[in-house]
């Protein structure tokens, strides 16, 4: 298992200081996509705007960004 941080960048940036263990980067990306879709759905349910340029960055324990998951990709592309 490897520790990854899923940092959220939207109107209220949230740094994942603790991180979570995932089997690999693909598993962390799957979770990031799920989180992004949950956030999008919550905004829609409450009548709030959705910025498809918002993103989750997957970083390793040293803070190196390994993958960027943009909200727009989670709506328009199958993952």
Protein backbone atom coordinates (compact mmCIF):
# COMPACT_ATOMS: atom_id res chain seq x y z
CA UNK A 1 0.00 0.00 0.00
CA UNK A 2 1.13 3.51 -0.81
CA UNK A 3 0.11 6.77 0.84
CA UNK A 4 -1.56 9.31 -1.46
CA UNK A 5 -3.02 12.73 -0.72
CA UNK A 6 -6.18 13.84 -2.55
CA UNK A 7 -6.00 17.65 -2.45
CA UNK A 8 -9.12 19.52 -3.53
CA UNK A 9 -8.86 22.78 -5.44
CA UNK A 10 -12.18 24.58 -5.81
CA UNK A 11 -13.73 27.65 -4.20
CA UNK A 12 -12.49 26.33 -0.84
CA UNK A 13 -9.12 24.60 -1.31
CA UNK A 14 -8.71 21.60 1.00
CA UNK A 15 -5.34 19.97 1.59
CA UNK A 16 -5.49 16.28 2.50
CA UNK A 17 -2.92 16.39 5.27
CA UNK A 18 -3.35 12.81 6.47
CA UNK A 19 -3.62 11.03 3.13
CA UNK A 20 -4.88 7.50 2.56
CA UNK A 21 -3.31 4.23 1.57
CA UNK A 22 -4.19 2.84 -1.85
CA UNK A 23 -2.95 -0.21 -3.68
CA UNK A 24 -1.67 1.95 -6.55
CA UNK A 25 -2.14 5.27 -8.33
CA UNK A 26 -5.05 3.89 -10.38
CA UNK A 27 -6.96 3.10 -7.17
CA UNK A 28 -6.27 6.60 -5.84
CA UNK A 29 -7.48 8.05 -9.14
CA UNK A 30 -10.68 6.01 -8.97
CA UNK A 31 -11.36 7.44 -5.51
CA UNK A 32 -10.57 10.98 -6.69
CA UNK A 33 -13.08 10.61 -9.55
CA UNK A 34 -15.70 9.31 -7.11
CA UNK A 35 -15.05 12.25 -4.77
CA UNK A 36 -15.26 14.76 -7.62
CA UNK A 37 -18.56 13.29 -8.81
CA UNK A 38 -19.94 13.41 -5.25
CA UNK A 39 -18.99 17.09 -4.95
CA UNK A 40 -20.54 17.88 -8.34
CA UNK A 41 -23.75 16.06 -7.38
CA UNK A 42 -23.93 17.88 -4.04
CA UNK A 43 -23.61 21.24 -5.79
CA UNK A 44 -26.35 20.32 -8.25
CA UNK A 45 -28.67 19.10 -5.46
CA UNK A 46 -28.28 22.46 -3.68
CA UNK A 47 -28.60 24.58 -6.81
CA UNK A 48 -25.01 25.77 -6.63
CA UNK A 49 -22.83 26.39 -9.68
CA UNK A 50 -20.33 23.75 -10.71
CA UNK A 51 -16.94 24.84 -12.02
CA UNK A 52 -15.74 22.06 -14.29
CA UNK A 53 -12.20 23.45 -13.98
CA UNK A 54 -12.09 22.54 -10.28
CA UNK A 55 -9.77 19.63 -9.60
CA UNK A 56 -8.40 17.05 -7.25
CA UNK A 57 -4.65 16.58 -7.28
CA UNK A 58 -3.22 13.23 -6.26
CA UNK A 59 0.13 13.69 -4.56
CA UNK A 60 2.61 11.30 -2.99
CA UNK A 61 3.85 11.62 0.57
CA UNK A 62 6.49 14.14 -0.55
CA UNK A 63 3.85 16.40 -2.12
CA UNK A 64 4.76 15.59 -5.72
CA UNK A 65 1.63 15.79 -7.87
CA UNK A 66 1.22 12.50 -9.71
CA UNK A 67 -2.18 13.01 -11.34
CA UNK A 68 -4.72 15.79 -11.78
CA UNK A 69 -8.42 14.87 -11.94
CA UNK A 70 -10.45 17.77 -13.33
CA UNK A 71 -14.15 17.85 -12.58
CA UNK A 72 -15.01 18.30 -16.26
CA UNK A 73 -13.29 15.00 -17.08
CA UNK A 74 -15.44 13.24 -14.48
CA UNK A 75 -18.63 14.37 -16.19
CA UNK A 76 -17.74 13.92 -19.84
CA UNK A 77 -15.37 10.97 -19.84
CA UNK A 78 -15.86 7.44 -18.61
CA UNK A 79 -13.36 6.37 -15.95
